[in-house]
Amino acid sequence: MATALCPGSFDPVTHGHLDIIERTSRHFEHVIVAVIRNPQKSQSLFSLEERQEMLREVTAHLHNIEIEFFKGLLVDFAKEHGAEAIVKGLRAVSDFDYELQMAQMNQRLSGIDTFFISTSPQHSFLSSSLVREVARFGGDVSSMVPPLVAKRLAERFAGDA
């Protein structure tokens, strides 16, 4: 059974994330969406558990998806779960510069290959940090995230704007 890993902080999950997850699910028998706490990013908006819960709801229509939480090295998690591939979405050349280095390091450490999927053009500008910023100041993010996530963002920032 071919298993792929789609890692990310998903804080919050966007339509861009879902695009990559859905497309990956068409090419692999089993997909593990791995929710991480990224130490390079500032404080999270949603807890790991909240992110997992939102991902479970918005991917419920995909029957070969599993949502997991992890800490530590991605390649260790991938090996523990029998993943043969890591799948990452790329929005721009700047993403590729960073992700290529990560892919090469992961391959060196574990032998696991990384596959890149270009983000669909309508989602190429999306990032979780940008969505958080717009939502924080009361902007409409309903076209950028699933309805459940838009509702959670509105609740989180109620009274902040």
Protein backbone atom coordinates (compact mmCIF):
# COMPACT_ATOMS: atom_id res chain seq x y z
CA MET A 1 0.00 0.00 0.00
CA ALA A 2 1.61 3.29 -1.11
CA THR A 3 1.52 5.82 1.71
CA ALA A 4 2.30 9.52 1.39
CA LEU A 5 2.80 12.08 4.09
CA CYS A 6 1.48 15.67 3.76
CA PRO A 7 3.06 17.63 6.61
CA GLY A 8 2.26 21.15 7.70
CA SER A 9 1.28 23.38 10.56
CA PHE A 10 -2.21 24.00 9.05
CA ASP A 11 -2.75 27.01 11.33
CA PRO A 12 -5.38 27.35 9.90
CA VAL A 13 -6.06 24.94 7.05
CA THR A 14 -6.75 26.83 3.81
CA HIS A 15 -8.26 25.92 0.46
CA GLY A 16 -4.67 25.73 -0.80
CA HIS A 17 -3.87 23.02 1.75
CA LEU A 18 -7.04 21.13 0.83
CA ASP A 19 -6.17 21.34 -2.85
CA ILE A 20 -2.81 19.63 -2.21
CA ILE A 21 -4.33 17.02 0.15
CA GLU A 22 -7.14 16.15 -2.29
CA ARG A 23 -4.77 15.88 -5.25
CA THR A 24 -2.35 13.74 -3.24
CA SER A 25 -5.21 11.44 -2.23
CA ARG A 26 -5.84 10.70 -5.92
CA HIS A 27 -2.27 9.48 -6.43
CA PHE A 28 -1.60 7.51 -3.24
CA GLU A 29 -3.57 4.75 -1.60
CA HIS A 30 -3.12 6.18 1.88
CA VAL A 31 -2.33 9.77 2.90
CA ILE A 32 -1.29 10.85 6.36
CA VAL A 33 -1.82 14.55 6.99
CA ALA A 34 0.76 15.28 9.68
CA VAL A 35 0.03 18.30 11.83
CA ILE A 36 3.19 19.75 13.31
CA ARG A 37 4.09 22.49 15.71
CA ASN A 38 6.57 24.44 13.63
CA PRO A 39 9.22 25.84 15.99
CA GLN A 40 10.27 28.35 13.30
CA LYS A 41 6.87 30.01 13.36
CA SER A 42 5.62 32.28 16.11
CA GLN A 43 2.90 31.26 18.52
CA SER A 44 0.11 29.18 17.03
CA LEU A 45 -3.40 30.55 16.68
CA PHE A 46 -5.07 27.16 17.09
CA SER A 47 -3.93 24.29 19.30
CA LEU A 48 -2.72 21.09 17.66
CA GLU A 49 -5.94 19.40 18.72
CA GLU A 50 -8.08 22.17 17.17
CA ARG A 51 -6.12 21.93 13.92
CA GLN A 52 -6.53 18.14 13.85
CA GLU A 53 -10.26 18.47 14.49
CA MET A 54 -10.71 21.03 11.70
CA LEU A 55 -8.68 18.89 9.29
CA ARG A 56 -10.75 15.80 10.13
CA GLU A 57 -13.95 17.68 9.37
CA VAL A 58 -12.81 19.30 6.12
CA THR A 59 -11.28 16.06 4.76
CA ALA A 60 -14.15 13.77 5.85
CA HIS A 61 -15.12 13.30 2.18
CA LEU A 62 -11.72 11.68 1.49
CA HIS A 63 -11.68 8.06 2.58
CA ASN A 64 -7.94 7.41 2.33
CA ILE A 65 -6.88 10.23 4.64
CA GLU A 66 -5.63 9.96 8.20
CA ILE A 67 -4.90 12.98 10.40
CA GLU A 68 -2.01 12.61 12.85
CA PHE A 69 -0.04 14.87 15.15
CA PHE A 70 3.72 14.68 15.52
CA LYS A 71 6.79 16.24 17.05
CA GLY A 72 10.39 15.70 16.08
CA LEU A 73 11.93 14.83 12.74
CA LEU A 74 9.53 14.38 9.85
CA VAL A 75 11.54 11.47 8.46
CA ASP A 76 11.33 9.58 11.77
CA PHE A 77 7.55 10.02 11.75
CA ALA A 78 7.41 8.97 8.09
CA LYS A 79 9.40 5.79 8.76
CA GLU A 80 7.30 4.92 11.83
CA HIS A 81 4.16 5.14 9.68
CA GLY A 82 5.53 3.37 6.62
CA ALA A 83 5.36 6.42 4.36
CA GLU A 84 7.19 6.01 1.06
CA ALA A 85 6.83 9.66 0.06
CA ILE A 86 6.50 13.16 1.41
CA VAL A 87 4.28 15.51 -0.62
CA LYS A 88 4.64 19.28 -0.46
CA GLY A 89 2.78 22.04 -2.25
CA LEU A 90 4.72 24.82 -3.93
CA ARG A 91 3.26 28.29 -4.43
CA ALA A 92 6.29 30.14 -5.78
CA VAL A 93 9.99 29.87 -6.53
CA SER A 94 10.73 31.10 -3.01
CA ASP A 95 8.94 27.99 -1.62
CA PHE A 96 11.04 25.78 -3.88
CA ASP A 97 14.36 27.14 -2.57
CA TYR A 98 13.51 26.18 1.01
CA GLU A 99 11.61 22.97 0.23
CA LEU A 100 14.37 21.62 -2.03
CA GLN A 101 16.89 21.85 0.81
CA MET A 102 14.44 20.10 3.15
CA ALA A 103 13.72 17.39 0.56
CA GLN A 104 17.42 16.73 0.02
CA MET A 105 18.07 16.54 3.77
CA ASN A 106 15.10 14.22 4.30
CA GLN A 107 16.24 11.98 1.45
CA ARG A 108 19.76 11.87 2.87
CA LEU A 109 18.53 11.01 6.36
CA SER A 110 15.98 8.41 5.38
CA GLY A 111 15.90 7.59 1.68
CA ILE A 112 12.32 8.92 1.52
CA ASP A 113 11.62 11.01 -1.58
CA THR A 114 9.68 14.25 -1.64
CA PHE A 115 7.18 14.98 -4.39
CA PHE A 116 6.24 18.57 -5.17
CA ILE A 117 2.80 19.57 -6.41
CA SER A 118 2.33 23.06 -7.76
CA THR A 119 -0.50 24.86 -6.07
CA SER A 120 -3.50 25.59 -8.24
CA PRO A 121 -3.29 29.19 -9.51
CA GLN A 122 -6.39 30.34 -7.62
CA HIS A 123 -4.66 29.40 -4.34
CA SER A 124 -1.09 30.47 -5.13
CA PHE A 125 -1.22 33.58 -2.94
CA LEU A 126 -2.66 31.81 0.11
CA SER A 127 -0.72 31.21 3.27
CA SER A 128 -1.99 30.48 6.75
CA SER A 129 -0.16 33.51 8.13
CA LEU A 130 -1.77 35.82 5.56
CA VAL A 131 -5.22 34.37 6.29
CA ARG A 132 -4.67 34.85 10.05
CA GLU A 133 -3.64 38.47 9.50
CA VAL A 134 -6.66 39.30 7.34
CA ALA A 135 -9.02 37.55 9.78
CA ARG A 136 -7.41 39.29 12.78
CA PHE A 137 -8.40 42.67 11.32
CA GLY A 138 -11.92 41.63 10.39
CA GLY A 139 -11.31 40.92 6.70
CA ASP A 140 -13.42 38.41 4.79
CA VAL A 141 -11.50 35.12 4.43
CA SER A 142 -14.52 33.02 3.46
CA SER A 143 -13.18 32.42 -0.06
CA MET A 144 -9.79 31.31 1.30
CA VAL A 145 -10.78 28.72 3.89
CA PRO A 146 -13.56 26.16 4.38
CA PRO A 147 -16.72 27.52 6.11
CA LEU A 148 -15.87 25.71 9.38
CA VAL A 149 -12.46 27.39 9.48
CA ALA A 150 -13.90 30.83 8.62
CA LYS A 151 -16.33 30.41 11.53
CA ARG A 152 -13.52 29.39 13.90
CA LEU A 153 -11.41 32.36 12.82
CA ALA A 154 -14.32 34.78 13.35
CA GLU A 155 -14.89 33.34 16.83
CA ARG A 156 -11.20 33.52 17.70
CA PHE A 157 -10.90 37.16 16.66
CA ALA A 158 -14.33 38.37 17.85
CA GLY A 159 -13.81 41.76 19.45
CA ASP A 160 -10.12 42.04 18.41
CA ALA A 161 -10.57 44.14 15.27
